[in-house]
Structure formats: C-alpha cells, structure tokens
C-alpha cells in the first residue's frame, strides 16, 4: 500500500516486530492479582548450558506487559538473558505504585540473580529495596536509584546505589530525529503531543521533538496534553482524536500502554493523518498512518546489565545511552520508506549530533535558549 507525502510515494510495511511476537506469545498478561497485590510471576527460558541457576527477574511499571513498547522491550531483554545466558526469565506485574516495594522484595526473596525495575516512578522503591539488600543486584530503567529526596534525575550531590545499574536515555536526541521527519512531512504545521505523566523522560521526548520543529518548521503549532497515566488508551484516543479534528495531521504519543489508543484514532481517521510512537517501531499498529518512532534500546540495555552479572563484571552507577552509543534513534524498519530528502536530512542531523556540533536541548529551559542549527 502506498501513501503520498508531497510528491513522494512510499511503502508502508505491515509485518509485526519479531520481538513482540516473542513477548506476546511467551508472556500474556496475568490478571489474577488482587488489589494491592502483584500478579503471580510468569516465567520463560531454558536451563543454563553451564549449569547455573540464574533467575532473571523483572518488575513492571503500572502499565504491565502488553504495552508493545517499554515494558515489553525490557522483558524481551530478560528473556534474552534466559536464552543466551541460561536460567529462567520471570516477571512480576505491578498495577499501582504501592506494589513496587513488595514486588521488588518478592524478587529478592526468590533469589533473583538480577532484578530489573522499569520506569521513573519505581526509583524510590528501588532505592529502598537496594539499600536494604546490598548483596542483591538490580538494573533500573529510566531513573537513578539514589538517596536524593525524591528527585531521581538530579543526583549531582548524591551517590547512586552501588548495587544498582541505573540506565538513562537521551530521549531528546531520538525525538529530535523523529521531529525532523515530522516537520518535513506535515502539511498543516499543526502537531499534537500526548504524554502519560509529566516526568523527565517524557519531557525529554517532547523537548527534543519541539527543538526539531524549531529547526525545520518554524511555523509549527504543538498542542500538549498529559493524561495522568501510562495505562489509559481510551483517554489517549480521545485526546488524539481531538487533535486530528482540530487540524493536526501528526500526533506524537509518549503514553506507554495508553498510547495504543492513539493508533486506534489514527486508523479511524485514515488518509491525511500520521501517528508517531516511542521506544520501538509500532508500524503494525496503524500500518497506513504510521510515520516513525523515537526509539530506545531498552532491550539491549537490560541484557547488557544481565550479561555483566553473568560475566562477573557488574558495576553499579549510572549509564546513559544516546545517539553516540546507538541507544536512541528512529524506527529503522521503516526508515528506508521515507522520501530521500527526509532520509538525507535525518542522517545529516544524526551525524552532527554525534560529532557534538549540535547539542539537543533536554529541558524546557534549554529549549527556550536553543538556536536552531542551519541546514547542512
């Protein structure tokens, strides 16, 4: 099937991502957990070829598995550890923040070789449990585990927990490249952004996107809404539909499992609108309306931490992945379908960011001071 953008015609793929086939087949969501309790852990994996009894645990954020993004990618990394390093992959799903501490404690009590905690909102619980169990090892995605009075991304005066590998991403850099694609595609110069909760990783996505629009579409209008949850697809769909009805032709969702509602909206609107995603390629969700995603290698970062434990080289502290580390980017699966001028522009900006010529803002304050770079 072909769609036109200006004079260019390009193909939309419909094949689902292999990683989601693995995740969704192996670990469907278990809804048997009662209020205030975790769902029973599910497991997948093979016996260790070296005879090690590795237990690779993961505690989800409130969206749980099935978000076709953040949580599913993290669990794919856990499953990769079971497959490549041996042992079992286990997941404990959370439905509310009150479950984070008991769920992490459950993993430690079960003898986890490593426990992965997913999401900014689990940071305080991670610090509490990691401090109480210095012998245990953890990976925390999207925040820093440190005694910092509730500001996990501001740890300049604090020492991160030594038994936690805290992983951050430069979402703003990947979102900048996605914004270049959007800014060179839109015909209305009107965009919608729908986020789950206004936390630093989500804000970095927004700021990088806005910086790109300042660069290639100075007439851009960006409407911004936070729905207050990462698990409310009905609300996200309502917001996205309102954006499209109001004249936006591109919606950028950063709403976790709730973001699935934005793809439903785009499909219902049909030709003339586009949907942009986060974390991974999501073209299978709206094949004809999908534009790109600002991606994060969550799976790879999880697996690297687990491999370090297996190798005996694990070290706590903070690790940050950006374009230089190939930890963020845009959907490569559909990148070749974009018009050549857009591909060329993205590749040029990617190189200039990697070289240090361009520094992409990561906060609203930095965005205000950002001077758009000249085209290559």
Protein backbone atom coordinates (compact mmCIF):
# COMPACT_ATOMS: atom_id res chain seq x y z
CA UNK A 1 0.00 0.00 0.00
CA UNK A 2 1.31 3.42 -0.89
CA UNK A 3 0.85 6.85 0.63
CA UNK A 4 1.93 10.20 -0.76
CA UNK A 5 3.78 12.92 1.10
CA UNK A 6 4.11 15.87 -1.23
CA UNK A 7 5.37 14.37 -4.48
CA UNK A 8 6.88 11.30 -2.85
CA UNK A 9 5.22 7.87 -2.65
CA UNK A 10 6.41 5.36 -0.14
CA UNK A 11 5.52 1.92 1.08
CA UNK A 12 4.15 1.07 4.47
CA UNK A 13 5.16 -2.35 5.88
CA UNK A 14 2.65 -4.43 7.82
CA UNK A 15 4.78 -7.15 9.42
CA UNK A 16 4.78 -7.20 13.22
CA UNK A 17 8.05 -6.88 15.07
CA UNK A 18 9.67 -10.19 15.95
CA UNK A 19 10.37 -9.02 19.46
CA UNK A 20 6.69 -8.50 20.16
CA UNK A 21 5.84 -11.89 18.74
CA UNK A 22 8.26 -13.33 21.27
CA UNK A 23 6.94 -11.25 24.13
CA UNK A 24 3.25 -11.60 23.48
CA UNK A 25 3.36 -15.35 22.84
CA UNK A 26 5.60 -16.09 25.80
CA UNK A 27 4.11 -13.81 28.42
CA UNK A 28 0.48 -12.82 28.16
CA UNK A 29 -0.83 -10.61 30.91
CA UNK A 30 -1.99 -12.34 34.11
CA UNK A 31 -4.90 -10.54 35.74
CA UNK A 32 -5.25 -12.75 38.80
CA UNK A 33 -3.53 -10.38 41.22
CA UNK A 34 -5.90 -8.78 43.67
CA UNK A 35 -5.99 -5.12 44.64
CA UNK A 36 -2.74 -4.13 46.32
CA UNK A 37 -1.00 -7.36 45.30
CA UNK A 38 1.15 -8.34 42.37
CA UNK A 39 0.10 -10.80 39.73
CA UNK A 40 1.87 -14.17 40.13
CA UNK A 41 5.26 -14.14 38.39
CA UNK A 42 5.36 -15.78 34.98
CA UNK A 43 8.47 -17.38 33.61
CA UNK A 44 10.13 -18.44 30.39
CA UNK A 45 13.58 -19.63 29.50
CA UNK A 46 15.86 -22.63 29.30
CA UNK A 47 18.26 -24.38 31.61
CA UNK A 48 21.70 -22.82 31.72
CA UNK A 49 24.15 -24.67 29.48
CA UNK A 50 26.78 -24.06 32.19
CA UNK A 51 24.52 -25.48 34.90
CA UNK A 52 23.98 -22.09 36.54
CA UNK A 53 20.63 -21.49 38.22
CA UNK A 54 20.18 -17.94 37.01
CA UNK A 55 16.90 -16.25 37.91
CA UNK A 56 16.36 -13.11 35.82
CA UNK A 57 13.54 -11.10 37.39
CA UNK A 58 11.69 -8.01 36.20
CA UNK A 59 9.15 -5.80 37.99
CA UNK A 60 6.98 -3.84 35.55
CA UNK A 61 5.64 -0.34 35.93
CA UNK A 62 1.91 0.22 36.30
CA UNK A 63 1.19 -0.42 32.61
CA UNK A 64 2.44 -4.01 32.83
CA UNK A 65 3.15 -6.27 29.90
CA UNK A 66 1.36 -5.87 26.60
CA UNK A 67 2.22 -2.20 26.07
CA UNK A 68 4.03 -3.05 22.82
CA UNK A 69 6.82 -0.80 23.98
CA UNK A 70 8.64 -0.02 27.20
CA UNK A 71 7.69 -2.97 29.42
CA UNK A 72 7.62 -5.49 26.60
CA UNK A 73 11.09 -4.40 25.47
CA UNK A 74 12.51 -4.72 28.99
CA UNK A 75 11.06 -8.20 29.35
CA UNK A 76 12.45 -9.15 25.96
CA UNK A 77 15.87 -8.30 27.41
CA UNK A 78 15.16 -10.54 30.41
CA UNK A 79 14.08 -13.35 28.09
CA UNK A 80 17.21 -12.84 26.01
CA UNK A 81 19.28 -13.39 29.15
CA UNK A 82 17.47 -16.67 29.84
CA UNK A 83 18.00 -17.78 26.26
CA UNK A 84 21.61 -16.68 25.81
CA UNK A 85 22.98 -16.95 29.34
CA UNK A 86 20.78 -19.68 30.76
CA UNK A 87 18.33 -19.82 33.62
CA UNK A 88 14.76 -18.55 33.83
CA UNK A 89 13.05 -15.27 32.96
CA UNK A 90 10.41 -14.17 35.46
CA UNK A 91 8.18 -11.10 35.61
CA UNK A 92 6.10 -9.61 38.40
CA UNK A 93 3.49 -7.18 37.12
CA UNK A 94 2.56 -4.04 39.03
CA UNK A 95 -0.73 -2.18 38.76
CA UNK A 96 -0.06 0.61 41.27
CA UNK A 97 2.92 2.29 42.90
CA UNK A 98 2.17 0.74 46.29
CA UNK A 99 3.16 -2.62 44.84
CA UNK A 100 6.69 -1.61 43.82
CA UNK A 101 8.45 -2.28 47.13
CA UNK A 102 6.73 -5.63 47.87
CA UNK A 103 7.24 -6.75 44.27
CA UNK A 104 10.95 -5.94 44.37
CA UNK A 105 11.22 -7.61 47.77
CA UNK A 106 9.49 -10.68 46.33
CA UNK A 107 12.11 -10.95 43.60
CA UNK A 108 14.98 -10.64 46.10
CA UNK A 109 13.39 -13.25 48.39
CA UNK A 110 13.08 -15.63 45.45
CA UNK A 111 16.84 -15.49 44.94
CA UNK A 112 16.93 -13.31 41.83
CA UNK A 113 20.29 -13.23 40.09
CA UNK A 114 19.32 -9.74 38.95
CA UNK A 115 16.10 -7.76 39.19
CA UNK A 116 15.11 -5.20 36.56
CA UNK A 117 12.90 -2.33 37.71
CA UNK A 118 11.10 -0.47 34.96
CA UNK A 119 10.25 3.21 34.92
CA UNK A 120 10.94 6.54 36.57
CA UNK A 121 8.21 6.06 39.15
CA UNK A 122 9.82 2.95 40.65
CA UNK A 123 13.07 4.77 41.55
CA UNK A 124 12.28 5.46 45.20
CA UNK A 125 11.15 1.87 45.77
CA UNK A 126 14.31 0.61 44.07
CA UNK A 127 16.48 2.69 46.40
CA UNK A 128 14.62 1.41 49.46
CA UNK A 129 14.96 -2.24 48.49
CA UNK A 130 18.51 -1.99 47.11
CA UNK A 131 19.69 -0.26 50.29
CA UNK A 132 18.15 -2.99 52.41
CA UNK A 133 19.74 -5.76 50.31
CA UNK A 134 23.27 -4.67 49.35
CA UNK A 135 24.09 -8.20 48.22
CA UNK A 136 21.35 -8.13 45.54
CA UNK A 137 21.87 -6.71 42.06
CA UNK A 138 19.47 -4.53 40.09
CA UNK A 139 19.01 -2.68 36.82
CA UNK A 140 16.77 0.40 36.89
CA UNK A 141 15.48 1.76 33.59
CA UNK A 142 14.78 5.49 33.12
CA UNK A 143 15.86 6.80 36.52
CA UNK A 144 18.65 6.84 39.07
CA UNK A 145 18.45 4.90 42.31
CA UNK A 146 19.97 7.23 44.92
CA UNK A 147 19.12 8.85 48.21
CA UNK A 148 18.06 12.14 46.70
CA UNK A 149 14.82 13.13 48.42
CA UNK A 150 12.53 12.19 45.58
CA UNK A 151 14.39 13.71 42.63
CA UNK A 152 15.92 10.64 40.95
CA UNK A 153 17.22 12.50 37.89
CA UNK A 154 19.09 15.10 39.98
CA UNK A 155 21.83 13.17 41.73
CA UNK A 156 24.72 15.62 41.47
CA UNK A 157 25.12 15.69 45.26
CA UNK A 158 24.20 12.07 45.87
CA UNK A 159 25.93 8.73 45.39
CA UNK A 160 23.86 6.29 43.33
CA UNK A 161 23.26 2.90 44.94
CA UNK A 162 26.35 0.75 44.21
CA UNK A 163 24.32 -2.41 43.58
CA UNK A 164 22.02 -0.75 41.03
CA UNK A 165 22.93 -0.08 37.43
CA UNK A 166 20.76 2.95 36.71
CA UNK A 167 20.10 3.40 33.00
CA UNK A 168 19.12 6.73 31.44
CA UNK A 169 18.47 7.57 27.80
CA UNK A 170 18.85 10.77 25.82
CA UNK A 171 15.28 10.59 24.57
CA UNK A 172 15.62 14.16 23.35
CA UNK A 173 18.16 13.08 20.71
CA UNK A 174 15.96 10.35 19.23
CA UNK A 175 12.93 12.63 19.41
CA UNK A 176 14.87 15.33 17.57
CA UNK A 177 15.40 12.99 14.61
CA UNK A 178 11.73 11.94 14.74
CA UNK A 179 10.79 15.62 14.81
CA UNK A 180 12.83 16.25 11.67
CA UNK A 181 10.78 13.56 9.95
CA UNK A 182 7.54 15.06 11.25
CA UNK A 183 8.47 18.63 10.37
CA UNK A 184 9.34 17.68 6.80
CA UNK A 185 6.13 15.64 6.43
CA UNK A 186 3.37 17.81 7.90
CA UNK A 187 1.29 19.91 5.55
CA UNK A 188 -0.75 21.66 8.25
CA UNK A 189 2.15 22.68 10.55
CA UNK A 190 -0.09 21.54 13.41
CA UNK A 191 1.02 18.77 15.76
CA UNK A 192 -0.32 17.04 18.84
CA UNK A 193 1.70 15.58 21.68
CA UNK A 194 0.02 13.27 24.20
CA UNK A 195 2.06 12.09 27.17
CA UNK A 196 1.24 9.80 30.04
CA UNK A 197 2.70 11.57 33.07
CA UNK A 198 4.88 14.68 33.05
CA UNK A 199 8.12 13.07 34.22
CA UNK A 200 11.66 13.78 32.96
CA UNK A 201 11.89 11.03 30.30
CA UNK A 202 8.58 12.10 28.76
CA UNK A 203 9.57 15.76 28.89
CA UNK A 204 12.83 14.92 27.11
CA UNK A 205 10.84 13.35 24.28
CA UNK A 206 8.73 16.49 23.98
CA UNK A 207 11.63 18.94 24.15
CA UNK A 208 13.67 17.10 21.51
CA UNK A 209 10.62 16.99 19.24
CA UNK A 210 9.96 20.71 19.68
CA UNK A 211 13.63 21.56 19.03
CA UNK A 212 13.47 19.73 15.70
CA UNK A 213 10.31 21.59 14.71
CA UNK A 214 12.01 24.89 15.53
CA UNK A 215 14.71 23.79 13.13
CA UNK A 216 12.69 22.62 10.10
CA UNK A 217 9.17 24.00 10.68
CA UNK A 218 9.35 27.38 12.45
CA UNK A 219 5.60 27.89 11.87
CA UNK A 220 4.78 24.76 13.86
CA UNK A 221 1.98 24.73 16.41
CA UNK A 222 2.28 21.99 19.05
CA UNK A 223 -0.59 21.12 21.37
CA UNK A 224 0.49 19.26 24.52
CA UNK A 225 -1.61 17.10 26.85
CA UNK A 226 -0.68 14.78 29.73
CA UNK A 227 -3.40 12.28 30.56
CA UNK A 228 -2.02 11.41 34.00
CA UNK A 229 -1.46 7.71 33.35
CA UNK A 230 0.51 5.28 31.21
CA UNK A 231 -2.38 2.83 31.01
CA UNK A 232 -5.42 4.74 29.74
CA UNK A 233 -5.84 4.09 25.99
CA UNK A 234 -9.40 5.44 25.98
CA UNK A 235 -8.25 8.84 27.25
CA UNK A 236 -5.28 8.94 24.87
CA UNK A 237 -7.57 8.07 21.96
CA UNK A 238 -9.93 10.88 22.96
CA UNK A 239 -7.06 13.39 23.06
CA UNK A 240 -5.57 12.22 19.76
CA UNK A 241 -8.95 12.37 18.03
CA UNK A 242 -9.42 15.90 19.31
CA UNK A 243 -6.05 16.88 17.87
CA UNK A 244 -6.90 15.45 14.46
CA UNK A 245 -10.34 17.07 14.50
CA UNK A 246 -8.67 20.40 15.30
CA UNK A 247 -6.41 20.22 12.25
CA UNK A 248 -3.28 18.44 13.45
CA UNK A 249 -2.00 15.96 10.90
CA UNK A 250 0.66 14.36 13.14
CA UNK A 251 0.26 13.10 16.71
CA UNK A 252 3.25 12.04 18.81
CA UNK A 253 2.33 9.64 21.62
CA UNK A 254 4.51 9.09 24.69
CA UNK A 255 1.88 7.38 26.81
CA UNK A 256 3.01 3.81 27.43
CA UNK A 257 0.27 1.22 27.05
CA UNK A 258 -2.18 4.11 26.90
CA UNK A 259 -0.58 5.16 23.64
CA UNK A 260 -2.33 2.26 21.91
CA UNK A 261 -5.40 4.47 21.82
CA UNK A 262 -3.63 6.97 19.58
CA UNK A 263 -3.09 4.31 16.91
CA UNK A 264 -6.77 3.43 17.02
CA UNK A 265 -7.60 7.09 16.48
CA UNK A 266 -5.20 7.41 13.54
CA UNK A 267 -6.60 4.31 11.86
CA UNK A 268 -10.14 5.60 12.23
CA UNK A 269 -9.17 8.99 10.75
CA UNK A 270 -7.41 7.31 7.83
CA UNK A 271 -5.57 9.05 4.98
CA UNK A 272 -4.23 12.50 5.72
CA UNK A 273 -3.04 11.92 9.29
CA UNK A 274 0.05 10.36 10.83
CA UNK A 275 0.93 8.78 14.16
CA UNK A 276 4.39 8.77 15.76
CA UNK A 277 5.41 6.39 18.52
CA UNK A 278 8.06 5.86 21.15
CA UNK A 279 10.53 3.21 22.28
CA UNK A 280 10.26 0.88 19.27
CA UNK A 281 8.78 0.52 15.79
CA UNK A 282 4.99 0.27 16.03
CA UNK A 283 4.06 0.21 12.35
CA UNK A 284 1.95 -2.91 12.87
CA UNK A 285 -0.50 -0.91 14.98
CA UNK A 286 -1.53 1.50 12.21
CA UNK A 287 0.30 0.42 9.02
CA UNK A 288 -1.04 3.12 6.72
CA UNK A 289 -0.80 6.01 9.20
CA UNK A 290 2.47 5.18 10.96
CA UNK A 291 5.25 7.73 10.41
CA UNK A 292 8.12 6.74 12.74
CA UNK A 293 9.09 6.27 16.39
CA UNK A 294 11.65 7.88 18.65
CA UNK A 295 13.29 4.64 19.73
CA UNK A 296 15.18 3.49 22.85
CA UNK A 297 17.23 0.30 23.10
CA UNK A 298 15.62 -0.81 26.34
CA UNK A 299 16.05 -4.48 25.49
CA UNK A 300 19.76 -4.09 24.79
CA UNK A 301 20.41 -2.08 27.95
CA UNK A 302 18.69 -4.70 30.11
CA UNK A 303 20.62 -7.54 28.52
CA UNK A 304 23.95 -5.75 28.93
CA UNK A 305 23.37 -5.48 32.66
CA UNK A 306 22.47 -9.14 32.95
CA UNK A 307 25.43 -10.20 30.84
CA UNK A 308 27.71 -8.24 33.17
CA UNK A 309 26.32 -10.15 36.15
CA UNK A 310 26.87 -13.48 34.37
CA UNK A 311 30.41 -12.43 33.43
CA UNK A 312 31.24 -11.20 36.91
CA UNK A 313 31.84 -7.66 35.66
CA UNK A 314 28.71 -5.97 37.03
CA UNK A 315 29.18 -2.45 38.37
CA UNK A 316 26.54 -0.12 39.76
CA UNK A 317 26.26 3.55 38.97
CA UNK A 318 24.72 5.46 36.11
CA UNK A 319 24.86 4.57 32.41
CA UNK A 320 23.44 6.92 29.78
CA UNK A 321 22.64 5.92 26.20
CA UNK A 322 22.28 8.44 23.39
CA UNK A 323 22.97 8.59 19.68
CA UNK A 324 26.71 8.13 20.19
CA UNK A 325 26.05 4.82 21.96
CA UNK A 326 23.35 3.81 19.43
CA UNK A 327 20.91 3.73 22.34
CA UNK A 328 18.30 6.01 20.76
CA UNK A 329 17.17 6.79 17.22
CA UNK A 330 14.20 6.40 14.93
CA UNK A 331 12.45 3.35 13.53
CA UNK A 332 14.97 1.77 11.18
CA UNK A 333 12.45 -0.77 9.90
CA UNK A 334 10.50 1.90 8.01
CA UNK A 335 13.26 4.47 7.59
CA UNK A 336 14.03 3.40 4.02
CA UNK A 337 10.41 4.05 3.04
CA UNK A 338 10.74 7.78 3.78
CA UNK A 339 11.35 10.22 0.92
CA UNK A 340 15.05 10.51 0.15
CA UNK A 341 15.29 14.15 1.17
CA UNK A 342 13.98 13.29 4.63
CA UNK A 343 16.39 10.38 4.98
CA UNK A 344 19.27 12.63 3.97
CA UNK A 345 18.27 15.31 6.48
CA UNK A 346 17.93 12.82 9.34
CA UNK A 347 21.29 11.25 8.56
CA UNK A 348 22.93 14.66 8.43
CA UNK A 349 21.48 15.77 11.76
CA UNK A 350 22.34 12.41 13.31
CA UNK A 351 25.99 12.86 12.32
CA UNK A 352 26.09 16.44 13.58
CA UNK A 353 24.64 15.45 16.96
CA UNK A 354 27.09 12.57 17.29
CA UNK A 355 30.02 14.84 16.46
CA UNK A 356 28.97 17.36 19.10
CA UNK A 357 28.23 20.11 16.58
CA UNK A 358 24.59 20.14 17.70
CA UNK A 359 23.51 19.78 21.32
CA UNK A 360 19.85 18.86 21.54
CA UNK A 361 18.06 20.52 24.48
CA UNK A 362 16.62 18.24 27.14
CA UNK A 363 14.62 20.66 29.31
CA UNK A 364 12.12 23.43 28.57
CA UNK A 365 14.67 25.99 29.77
CA UNK A 366 17.28 24.68 27.34
CA UNK A 367 14.66 24.70 24.58
CA UNK A 368 13.96 28.39 25.18
CA UNK A 369 17.64 29.15 24.67
CA UNK A 370 18.06 26.78 21.72
CA UNK A 371 19.26 28.36 18.49
CA UNK A 372 18.12 26.18 15.60
CA UNK A 373 21.09 24.95 13.57
CA UNK A 374 21.34 25.75 9.89
CA UNK A 375 20.54 23.03 7.40
CA UNK A 376 23.52 21.01 6.23
